[in-house]
């Protein structure tokens, strides 16, 4: 989901083929723009969709939407909001790499991509995301979804993803893609899809070098800002972003609408 999807005037609703195949049930994705107030239109869209679960997102400041959702009558699973942060490459000064650490960017080599995807499985094992709140989605399949997401992002833009190595071993992965900024005058921006370090290497300040590579790449391609998001409950990584001089700028809610009788 791009934040620009929330600034339009109409609903966006579509079946997620990858999630439907992975979880073995029809899963749809929906975004509701800030200005949406048509209760009947929202209800009709939900009822017409042949979905077991609709994963719906809307900006936290859109106070009307929770009331519209309540009127539909479907069971709702509310999950922690996504907190969006930004980095301005022109303002960021990267720290020197400690001895033993190196960064490799451009994961176009198939073996490099496969290793990065495998590491994503280690990095995000046990991670609490919006799927975690829905008993219809197993943790194992949810983790597989993160790996699929990482592989898809790397393959679509291999030159924009990076790995962090310690003594030659991959210990961190960051996948990133480019998109149009919400304000057309700002041109292009980058967004980090997934970024993290394997267990046992965290808490040493090394994460900044991984994300710093993404900021450097953003500057290299001439984009004005880098965007990243996480659940508001993920305080540790947000403290790291704050130490890097990044700033929060938006918040998006994720709610699962579940077909009655499934829970």
Protein backbone atom coordinates (compact mmCIF):
# COMPACT_ATOMS: atom_id res chain seq x y z
CA UNK A 1 0.00 0.00 0.00
CA UNK A 2 1.24 3.48 -0.91
CA UNK A 3 0.20 6.45 1.20
CA UNK A 4 -0.93 8.11 -2.02
CA UNK A 5 -3.77 5.54 -2.12
CA UNK A 6 -5.33 7.26 0.90
CA UNK A 7 -5.60 10.69 -0.70
CA UNK A 8 -8.01 9.81 -3.52
CA UNK A 9 -11.79 9.87 -3.52
CA UNK A 10 -12.76 6.23 -4.05
CA UNK A 11 -12.28 2.85 -2.41
CA UNK A 12 -9.60 0.52 -3.70
CA UNK A 13 -10.60 -3.14 -3.30
CA UNK A 14 -8.96 -6.14 -4.96
CA UNK A 15 -8.34 -9.81 -4.30
CA UNK A 16 -4.80 -10.52 -3.10
CA UNK A 17 -3.83 -13.53 -5.17
CA UNK A 18 -0.60 -14.16 -3.27
CA UNK A 19 -2.25 -14.08 0.17
CA UNK A 20 -5.25 -16.11 -1.00
CA UNK A 21 -2.94 -18.83 -2.34
CA UNK A 22 -0.73 -18.81 0.74
CA UNK A 23 -3.50 -19.00 3.34
CA UNK A 24 -5.87 -21.18 1.34
CA UNK A 25 -8.82 -18.81 1.63
CA UNK A 26 -9.97 -15.70 -0.29
CA UNK A 27 -8.17 -12.62 1.05
CA UNK A 28 -8.82 -9.14 -0.27
CA UNK A 29 -7.03 -5.81 0.26
CA UNK A 30 -8.87 -2.52 0.66
CA UNK A 31 -7.81 1.07 1.22
CA UNK A 32 -10.29 3.76 2.26
CA UNK A 33 -9.32 7.36 1.48
CA UNK A 34 -9.50 10.10 4.10
CA UNK A 35 -12.50 11.84 2.59
CA UNK A 36 -14.70 8.74 2.26
CA UNK A 37 -18.12 9.03 3.94
CA UNK A 38 -20.38 6.70 1.91
CA UNK A 39 -21.54 4.09 4.44
CA UNK A 40 -23.76 2.30 1.89
CA UNK A 41 -20.96 2.18 -0.67
CA UNK A 42 -18.53 0.68 1.83
CA UNK A 43 -21.03 -1.90 3.02
CA UNK A 44 -21.91 -2.89 -0.56
CA UNK A 45 -18.24 -3.27 -1.49
CA UNK A 46 -17.58 -5.53 1.50
CA UNK A 47 -20.68 -7.68 0.96
CA UNK A 48 -20.03 -8.05 -2.78
CA UNK A 49 -16.47 -9.24 -2.26
CA UNK A 50 -16.16 -13.03 -2.09
CA UNK A 51 -13.72 -12.71 0.81
CA UNK A 52 -13.08 -14.58 4.03
CA UNK A 53 -10.87 -11.70 5.17
CA UNK A 54 -10.57 -8.14 3.92
CA UNK A 55 -7.39 -6.42 5.10
CA UNK A 56 -8.39 -2.78 5.24
CA UNK A 57 -6.17 0.25 5.74
CA UNK A 58 -7.01 3.88 6.39
CA UNK A 59 -5.24 6.87 7.88
CA UNK A 60 -5.52 7.09 11.67
CA UNK A 61 -6.79 10.66 11.46
CA UNK A 62 -9.84 9.60 9.39
CA UNK A 63 -12.22 9.49 12.37
CA UNK A 64 -15.34 8.68 10.34
CA UNK A 65 -14.12 5.32 9.03
CA UNK A 66 -14.34 3.28 12.28
CA UNK A 67 -18.02 4.21 12.51
CA UNK A 68 -18.59 3.15 8.91
CA UNK A 69 -16.90 -0.18 9.59
CA UNK A 70 -18.97 -0.84 12.72
CA UNK A 71 -22.17 -0.43 10.71
CA UNK A 72 -21.26 -3.24 8.28
CA UNK A 73 -21.81 -5.96 10.88
CA UNK A 74 -18.71 -8.07 10.11
CA UNK A 75 -16.42 -9.12 12.96
CA UNK A 76 -13.52 -6.66 13.11
CA UNK A 77 -9.97 -7.40 14.22
CA UNK A 78 -8.15 -4.16 14.99
CA UNK A 79 -4.36 -4.35 14.93
CA UNK A 80 -1.68 -1.82 15.96
CA UNK A 81 -1.37 1.15 13.63
CA UNK A 82 1.56 1.54 11.26
CA UNK A 83 3.77 4.46 12.22
CA UNK A 84 5.42 6.12 9.20
CA UNK A 85 8.82 7.81 9.48
CA UNK A 86 10.98 9.68 7.00
CA UNK A 87 14.65 10.41 6.43
CA UNK A 88 15.94 13.30 4.34
CA UNK A 89 19.18 12.10 2.72
CA UNK A 90 20.56 15.62 2.40
CA UNK A 91 20.52 15.96 6.20
CA UNK A 92 21.99 12.56 7.07
CA UNK A 93 25.67 12.03 7.82
CA UNK A 94 26.48 8.29 8.00
CA UNK A 95 28.83 7.06 10.74
CA UNK A 96 31.99 5.18 9.72
CA UNK A 97 31.65 1.41 9.41
CA UNK A 98 33.18 -0.50 12.34
CA UNK A 99 35.90 -2.98 11.55
CA UNK A 100 34.49 -6.24 10.23
CA UNK A 101 31.29 -4.71 8.83
CA UNK A 102 30.65 -4.24 5.13
CA UNK A 103 27.59 -3.33 3.09
CA UNK A 104 26.72 -4.91 -0.24
CA UNK A 105 24.12 -3.26 -2.43
CA UNK A 106 22.51 -4.58 -5.61
CA UNK A 107 21.14 -8.08 -5.06
CA UNK A 108 20.59 -8.95 -8.71
CA UNK A 109 22.64 -12.14 -8.47
CA UNK A 110 20.20 -15.08 -7.90
CA UNK A 111 22.36 -16.57 -5.14
CA UNK A 112 22.55 -13.23 -3.32
CA UNK A 113 18.78 -12.84 -3.59
CA UNK A 114 18.15 -16.36 -2.28
CA UNK A 115 20.47 -15.81 0.70
CA UNK A 116 18.77 -12.49 1.52
CA UNK A 117 15.32 -14.14 1.42
CA UNK A 118 16.55 -16.93 3.72
CA UNK A 119 17.90 -14.35 6.17
CA UNK A 120 14.53 -12.55 6.13
CA UNK A 121 13.04 -15.79 7.46
CA UNK A 122 15.50 -15.69 10.38
CA UNK A 123 15.15 -11.96 11.02
CA UNK A 124 11.35 -11.90 11.17
CA UNK A 125 10.71 -15.24 12.88
CA UNK A 126 8.33 -14.49 15.74
CA UNK A 127 7.75 -10.90 14.62
CA UNK A 128 4.34 -9.55 15.63
CA UNK A 129 2.51 -8.05 12.65
CA UNK A 130 -1.14 -7.57 11.69
CA UNK A 131 -1.49 -11.24 10.69
CA UNK A 132 -0.57 -12.23 14.25
CA UNK A 133 -3.90 -10.93 15.59
CA UNK A 134 -6.02 -13.06 13.27
CA UNK A 135 -6.38 -16.76 14.25
CA UNK A 136 -7.19 -17.62 10.63
CA UNK A 137 -3.57 -16.90 9.66
CA UNK A 138 -0.81 -19.20 10.91
CA UNK A 139 2.53 -17.68 12.00
CA UNK A 140 4.44 -20.02 9.67
CA UNK A 141 2.49 -18.91 6.60
CA UNK A 142 2.69 -15.29 7.68
CA UNK A 143 6.48 -15.55 7.84
CA UNK A 144 6.51 -17.16 4.40
CA UNK A 145 4.60 -14.12 3.19
CA UNK A 146 7.36 -11.84 4.43
CA UNK A 147 9.89 -13.90 2.49
CA UNK A 148 7.75 -13.72 -0.65
CA UNK A 149 7.45 -9.95 -0.17
CA UNK A 150 11.22 -9.64 0.20
CA UNK A 151 11.90 -11.72 -2.91
CA UNK A 152 9.34 -9.78 -4.95
CA UNK A 153 10.84 -6.45 -3.86
CA UNK A 154 14.41 -7.54 -4.57
CA UNK A 155 13.56 -8.92 -8.00
CA UNK A 156 11.64 -5.80 -8.99
CA UNK A 157 14.46 -3.45 -7.95
CA UNK A 158 17.62 -5.42 -7.09
CA UNK A 159 19.89 -2.38 -7.23
CA UNK A 160 17.95 -0.71 -4.41
CA UNK A 161 18.29 -3.50 -1.82
CA UNK A 162 21.26 -4.13 0.49
CA UNK A 163 22.76 -6.63 2.89
CA UNK A 164 25.00 -6.02 5.89
CA UNK A 165 27.88 -8.45 6.41
CA UNK A 166 29.98 -9.14 9.49
CA UNK A 167 33.24 -10.92 8.74
CA UNK A 168 31.78 -11.91 5.40
CA UNK A 169 28.53 -13.38 6.77
CA UNK A 170 25.16 -11.78 5.91
CA UNK A 171 23.62 -10.57 9.16
CA UNK A 172 21.14 -7.98 7.92
CA UNK A 173 18.87 -7.34 4.95
CA UNK A 174 17.06 -4.23 3.72
CA UNK A 175 14.72 -4.36 0.71
CA UNK A 176 13.58 -1.10 -0.85
CA UNK A 177 11.53 0.16 -3.78
CA UNK A 178 10.83 3.47 -5.50
CA UNK A 179 7.48 5.22 -5.77
CA UNK A 180 6.01 8.58 -6.63
CA UNK A 181 5.75 10.99 -3.71
CA UNK A 182 2.25 11.96 -2.59
CA UNK A 183 3.06 15.51 -3.73
CA UNK A 184 3.92 15.29 -7.46
CA UNK A 185 6.19 18.31 -7.08
CA UNK A 186 8.47 16.21 -4.86
CA UNK A 187 9.11 13.66 -7.60
CA UNK A 188 10.26 10.21 -6.56
CA UNK A 189 10.83 8.77 -3.09
CA UNK A 190 12.03 5.43 -1.78
CA UNK A 191 10.29 3.17 0.70
CA UNK A 192 11.90 0.43 2.75
CA UNK A 193 9.77 -2.72 2.63
CA UNK A 194 11.69 -4.87 5.14
CA UNK A 195 14.86 -4.23 7.13
CA UNK A 196 16.44 -5.95 10.11
CA UNK A 197 19.30 -7.90 11.64
CA UNK A 198 19.46 -11.55 12.67
CA UNK A 199 19.19 -12.36 16.38
CA UNK A 200 22.49 -12.12 18.21
CA UNK A 201 23.68 -9.09 16.26
CA UNK A 202 21.14 -6.56 17.53
CA UNK A 203 21.77 -3.91 20.15
CA UNK A 204 25.25 -3.01 18.87
CA UNK A 205 24.30 -0.02 16.72
CA UNK A 206 24.84 -1.98 13.51
CA UNK A 207 21.28 -1.49 12.24
CA UNK A 208 22.08 2.13 11.38
CA UNK A 209 24.70 1.01 8.87
CA UNK A 210 22.13 -1.17 7.10
CA UNK A 211 19.49 1.55 6.93
CA UNK A 212 22.17 4.12 6.16
CA UNK A 213 22.87 2.23 2.93
CA UNK A 214 19.22 2.74 1.96
CA UNK A 215 19.47 6.46 2.71
CA UNK A 216 22.66 6.69 0.65
CA UNK A 217 20.95 4.92 -2.25
CA UNK A 218 18.01 7.32 -1.97
CA UNK A 219 20.39 10.25 -2.30
CA UNK A 220 22.24 8.58 -5.18
CA UNK A 221 19.12 8.29 -7.34
CA UNK A 222 18.12 11.87 -6.55
CA UNK A 223 15.03 11.12 -4.42
CA UNK A 224 14.23 13.67 -1.74
CA UNK A 225 13.21 11.31 1.05
CA UNK A 226 13.14 7.75 2.32
CA UNK A 227 9.99 6.37 3.95
CA UNK A 228 9.75 3.44 6.37
CA UNK A 229 7.01 2.11 8.63
CA UNK A 230 6.43 -0.31 11.49
CA UNK A 231 3.76 -1.19 14.03
CA UNK A 232 3.52 1.44 16.78
CA UNK A 233 4.23 -1.36 19.27
CA UNK A 234 7.71 -1.86 17.79
CA UNK A 235 9.36 0.72 20.02
CA UNK A 236 12.95 -0.50 19.69
CA UNK A 237 13.32 0.17 15.98
CA UNK A 238 11.60 3.55 16.31
CA UNK A 239 14.16 4.55 18.93
CA UNK A 240 16.86 3.62 16.40
CA UNK A 241 15.20 5.76 13.74
CA UNK A 242 15.00 8.69 16.15
CA UNK A 243 18.72 8.35 16.95
CA UNK A 244 19.39 8.58 13.21
CA UNK A 245 17.50 11.86 13.02
CA UNK A 246 14.44 10.42 11.31
CA UNK A 247 11.02 11.89 12.05
CA UNK A 248 7.49 10.39 12.28
CA UNK A 249 4.99 11.96 9.91
CA UNK A 250 1.90 9.76 9.56
CA UNK A 251 -0.05 6.81 10.97
CA UNK A 252 -2.21 4.21 9.21
CA UNK A 253 -4.69 1.76 10.76
CA UNK A 254 -5.00 -1.90 9.74
CA UNK A 255 -8.30 -3.69 10.38
CA UNK A 256 -9.34 -7.19 9.31
CA UNK A 257 -12.99 -7.62 8.31
CA UNK A 258 -13.84 -11.30 8.71
CA UNK A 259 -16.72 -13.17 7.11
CA UNK A 260 -19.34 -13.82 9.83
CA UNK A 261 -19.15 -17.32 11.31
CA UNK A 262 -15.44 -17.93 10.68
CA UNK A 263 -14.13 -16.86 14.09
